[in-house]
Amino acid sequence: MTKMTYFRLKKQADFQRLFHKGKRAFSPSLTVIYSSAEKMTMGISVGKKHGKSVVRNRIKRLLREAFRSVQGEMKGTYHLVLLPKVAEEYSLKTFERHLQCMIKKEKL
């Protein structure tokens, strides 16, 4: 598996553009909003309904690592926003498995 790099989506305007014009893919633990792009960018949005900052930061770390591990399976380059769904527990394996399923299903 080749190591691909991606850029972080940081600006509020970029997030808003994706929320309004991007396509959506759903899984039991995640929603992914995406659109095709020149270079790979990825952002994560975790709301306060997930818990305090310690919990939200852990979710972000897990999502970044899950994305790194499955990124090599993606065929194109996209702007992505990962939105986790509220759950009792969050695990790296679950996020990885659901990301892989969405990549295959949506042919990303």
C-alpha atoms as a PDB file:
ATOM      1  CA  MET A   1       0.000   0.000   0.000  1.00  0.00           C
ATOM      2  CA  THR A   2       1.460   3.347  -1.022  1.00  0.00           C
ATOM      3  CA  LYS A   3       1.585   6.192   1.425  1.00  0.00           C
ATOM      4  CA  MET A   4      -0.547   9.026   0.095  1.00  0.00           C
ATOM      5  CA  THR A   5      -0.613  12.435   1.610  1.00  0.00           C
ATOM      6  CA  TYR A   6      -3.618  14.638   2.066  1.00  0.00           C
ATOM      7  CA  PHE A   7      -4.191  18.228   3.052  1.00  0.00           C
ATOM      8  CA  ARG A   8      -6.439  19.268   5.899  1.00  0.00           C
ATOM      9  CA  LEU A   9      -9.639  21.103   5.194  1.00  0.00           C
ATOM     10  CA  LYS A  10      -9.551  24.043   7.601  1.00  0.00           C
ATOM     11  CA  LYS A  11     -11.511  27.030   6.331  1.00  0.00           C
ATOM     12  CA  GLN A  12     -15.153  27.454   7.266  1.00  0.00           C
ATOM     13  CA  ALA A  13     -15.987  28.446   3.667  1.00  0.00           C
ATOM     14  CA  ASP A  14     -14.574  25.144   2.374  1.00  0.00           C
ATOM     15  CA  PHE A  15     -16.670  23.174   4.862  1.00  0.00           C
ATOM     16  CA  GLN A  16     -19.808  25.148   3.930  1.00  0.00           C
ATOM     17  CA  ARG A  17     -19.218  24.600   0.201  1.00  0.00           C
ATOM     18  CA  LEU A  18     -19.030  20.846   0.768  1.00  0.00           C
ATOM     19  CA  PHE A  19     -22.077  20.790   3.058  1.00  0.00           C
ATOM     20  CA  HIS A  20     -24.145  22.538   0.368  1.00  0.00           C
ATOM     21  CA  LYS A  21     -22.821  20.977  -2.857  1.00  0.00           C
ATOM     22  CA  GLY A  22     -21.156  17.694  -1.877  1.00  0.00           C
ATOM     23  CA  LYS A  23     -22.483  14.164  -2.262  1.00  0.00           C
ATOM     24  CA  ARG A  24     -23.171  12.122   0.862  1.00  0.00           C
ATOM     25  CA  ALA A  25     -22.431   8.544   1.808  1.00  0.00           C
ATOM     26  CA  PHE A  26     -23.792   6.944   4.966  1.00  0.00           C
ATOM     27  CA  SER A  27     -22.770   4.111   7.275  1.00  0.00           C
ATOM     28  CA  PRO A  28     -23.841   3.134  10.799  1.00  0.00           C
ATOM     29  CA  SER A  29     -21.009   5.134  12.405  1.00  0.00           C
ATOM     30  CA  LEU A  30     -20.181   7.829   9.833  1.00  0.00           C
ATOM     31  CA  THR A  31     -21.465  10.221   7.240  1.00  0.00           C
ATOM     32  CA  VAL A  32     -19.000  11.249   4.523  1.00  0.00           C
ATOM     33  CA  ILE A  33     -19.570  14.333   2.394  1.00  0.00           C
ATOM     34  CA  TYR A  34     -17.385  14.416  -0.703  1.00  0.00           C
ATOM     35  CA  SER A  35     -16.763  16.041  -4.064  1.00  0.00           C
ATOM     36  CA  SER A  36     -14.052  15.510  -6.646  1.00  0.00           C
ATOM     37  CA  ALA A  37     -11.006  17.770  -6.450  1.00  0.00           C
ATOM     38  CA  GLU A  38      -7.511  18.448  -7.782  1.00  0.00           C
ATOM     39  CA  LYS A  39      -5.811  17.295  -4.578  1.00  0.00           C
ATOM     40  CA  MET A  40      -6.923  15.190  -1.627  1.00  0.00           C
ATOM     41  CA  THR A  41      -8.250  17.198   1.314  1.00  0.00           C
ATOM     42  CA  MET A  42      -9.983  15.898   4.419  1.00  0.00           C
ATOM     43  CA  GLY A  43     -11.730  17.605   7.309  1.00  0.00           C
ATOM     44  CA  ILE A  44     -13.512  16.313  10.392  1.00  0.00           C
ATOM     45  CA  SER A  45     -16.508  17.874  12.085  1.00  0.00           C
ATOM     46  CA  VAL A  46     -17.371  16.633  15.583  1.00  0.00           C
ATOM     47  CA  GLY A  47     -20.137  18.503  17.401  1.00  0.00           C
ATOM     48  CA  LYS A  48     -20.572  19.115  21.104  1.00  0.00           C
ATOM     49  CA  LYS A  49     -23.321  16.488  21.263  1.00  0.00           C
ATOM     50  CA  HIS A  50     -20.513  13.879  21.227  1.00  0.00           C
ATOM     51  CA  GLY A  51     -19.260  14.951  24.646  1.00  0.00           C
ATOM     52  CA  LYS A  52     -16.554  17.042  26.209  1.00  0.00           C
ATOM     53  CA  SER A  53     -13.393  18.088  24.397  1.00  0.00           C
ATOM     54  CA  VAL A  54     -11.391  15.026  25.484  1.00  0.00           C
ATOM     55  CA  VAL A  55     -13.934  12.723  23.832  1.00  0.00           C
ATOM     56  CA  ARG A  56     -14.242  14.889  20.705  1.00  0.00           C
ATOM     57  CA  ASN A  57     -10.451  15.021  20.272  1.00  0.00           C
ATOM     58  CA  ARG A  58     -10.210  11.230  20.636  1.00  0.00           C
ATOM     59  CA  ILE A  59     -12.851  10.783  17.926  1.00  0.00           C
ATOM     60  CA  LYS A  60     -10.862  13.097  15.639  1.00  0.00           C
ATOM     61  CA  ARG A  61      -7.653  11.132  16.242  1.00  0.00           C
ATOM     62  CA  LEU A  62      -9.420   7.844  15.498  1.00  0.00           C
ATOM     63  CA  LEU A  63     -10.966   9.225  12.299  1.00  0.00           C
ATOM     64  CA  ARG A  64      -7.648  10.639  11.053  1.00  0.00           C
ATOM     65  CA  GLU A  65      -5.923   7.292  11.603  1.00  0.00           C
ATOM     66  CA  ALA A  66      -8.778   5.330   9.997  1.00  0.00           C
ATOM     67  CA  PHE A  67      -8.652   7.626   6.971  1.00  0.00           C
ATOM     68  CA  ARG A  68      -4.858   7.233   6.678  1.00  0.00           C
ATOM     69  CA  SER A  69      -5.175   3.450   6.672  1.00  0.00           C
ATOM     70  CA  VAL A  70      -7.871   3.267   3.957  1.00  0.00           C
ATOM     71  CA  GLN A  71      -6.759   6.226   1.826  1.00  0.00           C
ATOM     72  CA  GLY A  72      -4.633   4.037  -0.440  1.00  0.00           C
ATOM     73  CA  GLU A  73      -7.766   2.207  -1.613  1.00  0.00           C
ATOM     74  CA  MET A  74      -9.289   5.399  -3.038  1.00  0.00           C
ATOM     75  CA  LYS A  75      -9.006   5.748  -6.797  1.00  0.00           C
ATOM     76  CA  GLY A  76      -9.416   9.506  -7.217  1.00  0.00           C
ATOM     77  CA  THR A  77      -8.772  12.709  -5.306  1.00  0.00           C
ATOM     78  CA  TYR A  78     -11.575  14.301  -3.320  1.00  0.00           C
ATOM     79  CA  HIS A  79     -12.531  16.942  -0.802  1.00  0.00           C
ATOM     80  CA  LEU A  80     -13.945  14.965   2.149  1.00  0.00           C
ATOM     81  CA  VAL A  81     -15.641  15.819   5.423  1.00  0.00           C
ATOM     82  CA  LEU A  82     -16.074  13.016   7.948  1.00  0.00           C
ATOM     83  CA  LEU A  83     -19.009  13.330  10.355  1.00  0.00           C
ATOM     84  CA  PRO A  84     -19.199  10.707  13.113  1.00  0.00           C
ATOM     85  CA  LYS A  85     -22.557   9.650  14.493  1.00  0.00           C
ATOM     86  CA  VAL A  86     -23.204   9.683  18.232  1.00  0.00           C
ATOM     87  CA  ALA A  87     -22.460   6.295  19.805  1.00  0.00           C
ATOM     88  CA  GLU A  88     -21.681   4.748  23.177  1.00  0.00           C
ATOM     89  CA  GLU A  89     -18.150   3.786  22.147  1.00  0.00           C
ATOM     90  CA  TYR A  90     -15.908   4.667  19.239  1.00  0.00           C
ATOM     91  CA  SER A  91     -13.291   2.297  17.849  1.00  0.00           C
ATOM     92  CA  LEU A  92     -10.658   2.492  15.137  1.00  0.00           C
ATOM     93  CA  LYS A  93     -11.692  -0.865  13.639  1.00  0.00           C
ATOM     94  CA  THR A  94     -15.305   0.257  13.262  1.00  0.00           C
ATOM     95  CA  PHE A  95     -14.338   3.515  11.546  1.00  0.00           C
ATOM     96  CA  GLU A  96     -11.898   1.692   9.229  1.00  0.00           C
ATOM     97  CA  ARG A  97     -14.448  -0.966   8.286  1.00  0.00           C
ATOM     98  CA  HIS A  98     -17.181   1.565   7.559  1.00  0.00           C
ATOM     99  CA  LEU A  99     -14.844   3.806   5.543  1.00  0.00           C
ATOM    100  CA  GLN A 100     -13.755   0.821   3.442  1.00  0.00           C
ATOM    101  CA  CYS A 101     -17.386  -0.131   2.793  1.00  0.00           C
ATOM    102  CA  MET A 102     -18.233   3.415   1.706  1.00  0.00           C
ATOM    103  CA  ILE A 103     -15.206   3.586  -0.613  1.00  0.00           C
ATOM    104  CA  LYS A 104     -16.303   0.374  -2.332  1.00  0.00           C
ATOM    105  CA  LYS A 105     -19.995   1.301  -2.404  1.00  0.00           C
ATOM    106  CA  GLU A 106     -19.527   4.845  -3.714  1.00  0.00           C
ATOM    107  CA  LYS A 107     -16.584   3.858  -5.971  1.00  0.00           C
ATOM    108  CA  LEU A 108     -14.359   6.569  -4.499  1.00  0.00           C
END
